[in-house]
Protein backbone atom coordinates (compact mmCIF):
# COMPACT_ATOMS: atom_id res chain seq x y z
CA MET A 1 7.43 30.82 -3.05
CA LYS A 2 5.51 28.06 -4.81
CA THR A 3 2.01 27.59 -3.40
CA ARG A 4 1.15 24.06 -2.38
CA GLN A 5 -2.10 22.67 -3.76
CA THR A 6 -4.37 21.67 -0.87
CA THR A 7 -7.14 20.09 -2.95
CA LEU A 8 -6.95 16.96 -5.08
CA ASP A 9 -7.80 16.80 -8.76
CA SER A 10 -10.63 14.56 -9.88
CA GLY A 11 -9.46 10.94 -9.89
CA ASP A 12 -6.64 11.55 -7.43
CA VAL A 13 -6.65 9.88 -4.01
CA LEU A 14 -3.39 10.82 -2.29
CA ARG A 15 -0.67 13.30 -3.22
CA ALA A 16 2.80 14.01 -1.89
CA GLN A 17 4.20 17.38 -2.94
CA GLY A 18 7.77 18.47 -2.27
CA VAL A 19 8.12 15.91 0.52
CA VAL A 20 11.48 15.90 2.33
CA ARG A 21 12.42 13.92 5.44
CA SER A 22 15.91 13.45 6.83
CA LYS A 23 16.98 10.81 9.30
CA GLY A 24 20.65 10.47 10.12
CA ARG A 25 22.63 10.52 6.89
CA PHE A 26 19.64 9.55 4.72
CA THR A 27 17.31 12.08 3.11
CA LEU A 28 14.04 11.24 1.41
CA GLY A 29 13.09 13.63 -1.36
CA PRO A 30 12.17 16.00 -2.59
CA VAL A 31 9.36 13.68 -3.74
CA ASN A 32 6.27 14.52 -5.79
CA LEU A 33 3.90 11.61 -6.28
CA THR A 34 0.15 11.16 -6.78
CA LEU A 35 -1.81 7.97 -6.22
CA HIS A 36 -4.78 7.71 -8.56
CA GLU A 37 -8.25 6.26 -8.17
CA GLY A 38 -8.42 2.55 -8.96
CA GLU A 39 -4.69 1.97 -9.32
CA ILE A 40 -2.13 -0.31 -7.78
CA MET A 41 1.25 1.40 -7.70
CA ALA A 42 4.53 -0.36 -6.95
CA VAL A 43 7.64 1.36 -5.61
CA VAL A 44 10.89 -0.43 -6.48
CA GLY A 45 14.60 0.17 -6.03
CA ALA A 46 17.64 -1.15 -4.21
CA SER A 47 17.58 -1.74 -0.46
CA GLY A 48 18.01 1.52 1.42
CA CYS A 49 16.83 3.72 -1.45
CA GLY A 50 13.87 5.07 0.54
CA LYS A 51 10.92 2.94 -0.55
CA SER A 52 9.58 2.25 2.94
CA SER A 53 10.38 5.83 3.99
CA LEU A 54 8.20 7.06 1.13
CA LEU A 55 5.36 4.75 2.16
CA ARG A 56 5.51 5.96 5.76
CA ALA A 57 5.58 9.59 4.64
CA MET A 58 2.53 9.19 2.40
CA ALA A 59 0.66 7.34 5.15
CA GLY A 60 1.23 10.13 7.65
CA MET A 61 3.34 7.88 9.88
CA VAL A 62 6.29 10.27 10.17
CA LYS A 63 6.80 14.01 10.57
CA LEU A 64 8.02 15.76 7.42
CA ASP A 65 10.82 18.30 7.29
CA ARG A 66 9.22 19.96 4.25
CA GLY A 67 6.37 19.38 1.86
CA SER A 68 2.79 18.21 2.13
CA VAL A 69 0.69 15.06 1.82
CA VAL A 70 -2.98 15.55 0.88
CA PHE A 71 -5.82 13.06 1.29
CA GLU A 72 -9.46 14.05 0.75
CA ASP A 73 -8.48 17.73 0.82
CA ARG A 74 -6.78 17.32 4.19
CA ARG A 75 -3.09 17.93 4.68
CA LEU A 76 -1.78 15.04 6.71
CA ASP A 77 1.32 17.03 7.63
CA LYS A 78 -0.92 19.54 9.42
CA LEU A 79 -2.99 17.03 11.40
CA GLY A 80 -2.40 16.24 15.06
CA GLU A 81 -1.51 12.75 16.24
CA ALA A 82 -5.07 11.94 17.35
CA ALA A 83 -6.49 12.84 13.93
CA LEU A 84 -3.75 10.89 12.17
CA ALA A 85 -4.35 7.85 14.36
CA SER A 86 -8.06 7.99 13.53
CA LEU A 87 -7.27 8.25 9.83
CA ARG A 88 -4.87 5.31 9.94
CA SER A 89 -7.44 3.15 11.71
CA SER A 90 -10.33 3.93 9.37
CA GLN A 91 -9.25 5.27 5.96
CA PHE A 92 -5.80 3.71 5.64
CA ALA A 93 -4.87 0.06 6.08
CA PHE A 94 -1.48 -1.61 6.25
CA ILE A 95 -0.06 -5.02 5.49
CA PHE A 96 3.54 -5.89 6.18
CA GLN A 97 5.93 -8.74 5.61
CA ASP A 98 5.24 -10.14 9.10
CA TYR A 99 1.40 -10.02 8.75
CA MET A 100 0.79 -7.96 11.95
CA LEU A 101 -1.85 -10.36 13.30
CA LEU A 102 -2.42 -11.41 16.91
CA GLU A 103 -1.61 -15.09 16.98
CA ASN A 104 -3.85 -15.90 19.95
CA LEU A 105 -6.92 -14.56 18.14
CA SER A 106 -9.09 -16.17 15.47
CA ILE A 107 -9.53 -14.98 11.89
CA ALA A 108 -12.76 -13.18 12.81
CA GLU A 109 -11.22 -11.56 15.89
CA ASN A 110 -8.24 -10.28 13.92
CA VAL A 111 -10.49 -8.85 11.21
CA ALA A 112 -12.59 -7.08 13.85
CA LEU A 113 -9.60 -5.89 15.89
CA PRO A 114 -9.52 -2.25 14.66
CA ALA A 115 -13.14 -1.80 15.76
CA ALA A 116 -12.43 -3.48 19.10
CA VAL A 117 -9.52 -1.09 19.72
CA ARG A 118 -11.96 1.80 19.28
CA GLY A 119 -14.37 0.18 21.76
CA GLU A 120 -16.79 -0.76 18.98
CA ARG A 121 -18.27 -4.05 17.81
CA MET A 122 -17.98 -5.04 14.16
CA GLU A 123 -21.02 -6.68 12.60
CA MET A 124 -20.50 -10.35 11.81
CA ASP A 125 -21.96 -9.87 8.32
CA ARG A 126 -19.21 -7.38 7.54
CA ILE A 127 -16.58 -9.82 8.78
CA ARG A 128 -18.06 -12.61 6.65
CA ARG A 129 -18.16 -10.45 3.52
CA SER A 130 -14.58 -9.28 3.96
CA VAL A 131 -13.27 -12.80 4.55
CA ALA A 132 -15.20 -14.08 1.53
CA CYS A 133 -13.68 -11.33 -0.65
CA VAL A 134 -10.18 -12.67 0.03
CA GLY A 135 -11.08 -16.27 -0.69
CA LEU A 136 -11.23 -17.66 2.85
CA GLN A 137 -14.12 -19.90 3.85
CA GLU A 138 -16.70 -18.76 6.38
CA LYS A 139 -16.34 -22.00 8.33
CA ALA A 140 -12.75 -21.00 9.11
CA LEU A 141 -13.71 -17.80 10.94
CA ASP A 142 -13.02 -19.29 14.36
CA THR A 143 -9.67 -20.75 13.31
CA PRO A 144 -6.66 -19.32 15.20
CA VAL A 145 -4.38 -17.54 12.75
CA THR A 146 -1.45 -19.63 13.99
CA ASN A 147 -3.05 -22.55 12.12
CA LEU A 148 -2.89 -20.70 8.80
CA SER A 149 -0.19 -20.60 6.15
CA GLY A 150 1.70 -17.38 5.51
CA GLY A 151 -0.37 -16.64 2.43
CA GLN A 152 -3.62 -17.20 4.31
CA GLN A 153 -2.46 -14.92 7.13
CA GLN A 154 -1.71 -12.17 4.65
CA ARG A 155 -5.19 -12.58 3.20
CA VAL A 156 -6.62 -12.13 6.70
CA ALA A 157 -4.70 -8.84 6.90
CA ILE A 158 -6.27 -7.77 3.58
CA ALA A 159 -9.72 -8.82 4.83
CA ARG A 160 -9.18 -6.58 7.86
CA ALA A 161 -8.47 -3.66 5.54
CA LEU A 162 -11.72 -4.29 3.66
CA ALA A 163 -13.73 -4.70 6.87
CA ILE A 164 -12.80 -1.26 8.21
CA GLY A 165 -13.72 0.34 4.87
CA ALA A 166 -10.19 1.53 4.16
CA GLN A 167 -9.70 3.75 1.12
CA VAL A 168 -5.97 3.19 0.66
CA LEU A 169 -3.95 0.04 1.31
CA PHE A 170 -0.26 0.44 2.07
CA ALA A 171 1.68 -2.80 1.58
CA ASP A 172 5.35 -2.96 2.60
CA GLU A 173 6.93 -6.12 1.16
CA PRO A 174 3.67 -8.06 1.69
CA THR A 175 4.98 -11.23 0.03
CA GLY A 176 8.55 -11.19 1.36
CA ASN A 177 8.06 -14.28 3.54
CA LEU A 178 5.94 -16.27 1.09
CA ASP A 179 6.60 -19.07 -1.38
CA PRO A 180 5.79 -18.34 -5.07
CA LYS A 181 2.31 -19.91 -4.95
CA SER A 182 1.31 -17.98 -1.81
CA ARG A 183 2.85 -14.82 -3.27
CA ASP A 184 0.72 -15.14 -6.41
CA ASP A 185 -2.40 -15.76 -4.31
CA VAL A 186 -1.79 -12.61 -2.25
CA VAL A 187 -1.14 -10.47 -5.34
CA SER A 188 -4.35 -11.81 -6.89
CA THR A 189 -6.24 -11.05 -3.68
CA ILE A 190 -4.99 -7.46 -3.65
CA ARG A 191 -6.17 -7.05 -7.24
CA THR A 192 -9.58 -8.53 -6.40
CA SER A 193 -9.88 -6.23 -3.39
CA MET A 194 -9.90 -3.23 -5.70
CA ASN A 195 -13.45 -4.28 -6.59
CA ALA A 196 -14.48 -4.51 -2.94
CA GLY A 197 -14.07 -0.93 -1.74
CA LEU A 198 -10.37 -0.07 -1.91
CA ARG A 199 -9.63 3.02 -3.97
CA SER A 200 -5.85 2.67 -4.31
CA VAL A 201 -2.94 0.49 -3.27
CA LEU A 202 0.70 1.47 -2.72
CA ILE A 203 3.09 -1.50 -2.66
CA VAL A 204 6.78 -1.47 -1.74
CA ALA A 205 8.27 -4.41 -3.61
CA HIS A 206 11.61 -6.17 -4.06
CA ASP A 207 10.04 -9.04 -6.00
CA PRO A 208 9.81 -8.29 -9.75
CA VAL A 209 6.72 -10.51 -10.04
CA VAL A 210 4.88 -8.41 -7.45
CA ALA A 211 5.97 -5.14 -9.05
CA ALA A 212 4.93 -6.34 -12.51
CA ALA A 213 1.40 -6.94 -11.21
CA ALA A 214 1.01 -3.21 -10.53
CA ASP A 215 -0.60 -0.72 -12.90
CA ARG A 216 2.19 1.82 -12.42
CA ILE A 217 5.78 1.51 -11.21
CA VAL A 218 8.08 4.16 -9.78
CA PHE A 219 11.80 3.54 -9.40
CA MET A 220 13.75 5.13 -6.54
CA GLN A 221 17.44 5.84 -6.04
CA ASP A 222 19.05 7.67 -3.12
CA GLY A 223 15.76 8.87 -1.66
CA ARG A 224 14.29 10.20 -4.90
CA ILE A 225 11.98 8.98 -7.63
CA VAL A 226 14.13 8.89 -10.74
CA ARG A 227 11.90 7.04 -13.19
CA GLU A 228 8.20 6.35 -13.59
CA PHE A 229 6.50 3.72 -15.74
CA PRO A 230 2.85 4.82 -15.98
CA GLN A 231 1.77 1.72 -17.91
CA GLY A 232 3.72 -0.70 -15.72
CA LEU A 233 6.34 -3.23 -16.78
CA GLN A 234 6.61 -6.95 -17.36
CA THR A 235 8.52 -9.10 -14.87
CA ARG A 236 11.61 -9.35 -17.08
CA GLN A 237 11.66 -5.58 -17.52
CA VAL A 238 11.48 -5.02 -13.75
CA GLU A 239 14.41 -7.44 -13.35
CA GLU A 240 16.39 -5.39 -15.89
CA LEU A 241 15.53 -2.19 -14.08
CA LEU A 242 16.70 -3.53 -10.72
CA LEU A 243 19.93 -4.75 -12.33
CA GLY A 244 20.65 -1.24 -13.57
CA ARG A 245 19.69 -1.85 -17.17
CA ALA A 246 17.23 0.23 -19.14
CA PRO A 247 13.95 -1.69 -19.52
CA ALA A 248 12.97 -2.66 -23.03
CA ARG A 249 9.93 -0.39 -22.83
CA PRO A 250 11.01 2.88 -21.17
CA GLN A 251 8.45 5.49 -20.19
CA THR A 252 8.85 9.19 -19.56
CA PHE A 253 8.55 10.29 -15.94
CA GLY A 254 5.16 11.83 -15.22
CA GLY A 255 3.32 10.18 -18.10
CA ALA A 256 -0.31 9.27 -18.63
CA ARG A 257 -2.69 7.57 -16.23
CA PRO A 258 -2.42 3.79 -15.98
CA VAL A 259 -4.41 1.31 -18.00
CA MET A 260 -6.36 -0.78 -15.50
CA SER A 261 -6.97 -3.98 -17.48
CA ARG A 262 -3.85 -6.05 -17.05
């Protein structure tokens, strides 16, 4: 029997090894995937191919049938629910298509919400720094999030991730409800956030523009990763990939580490 590695190599942040999860007629995996330090990785593929299932598996949000997920030398698949909940509220952060903000709260209150849930008080300086990192003005801290545009609300969600000191950001279709200008602003904010404490970002994307902004792209079909592009792709090449055509610049699965300057 193959022994599963329970420690990460230098430069690795999160690793899924032999991950399998079945639900109804759909099976995810087997999947082997490593998220590296300082990289933004996009997962693309047709609807229903397993992109969001992969994200949830790597974030420890679902129970696996087989395989392991390792973060900081801890196997998420072996942790209890209390330990996983603590991890997801401190080391992992999530942004979704529908923002996941409380509309009756202000920007500052939403940013500080994870600490409040734990019965703690977040320092205002930390809130200010996090909001500034995503390009929102300090004078807007008391603004209810219902007064914000979709792009601004998504930036509040990113600020919340920075404020809790998250190591990994999981983004499931974060720009799905946004116009092109707001989409570009959010993608730029995610990139900027890599210089403000985040170690890695995993994005599930349907939009070729969002996927092309990533350092590395993996392509899924029928619950499995079938191609990997370790140096990323341009928008037109992602469009070709999603249309079932071979991109103009194919890469071999499992290639070199990504180049960060894009």
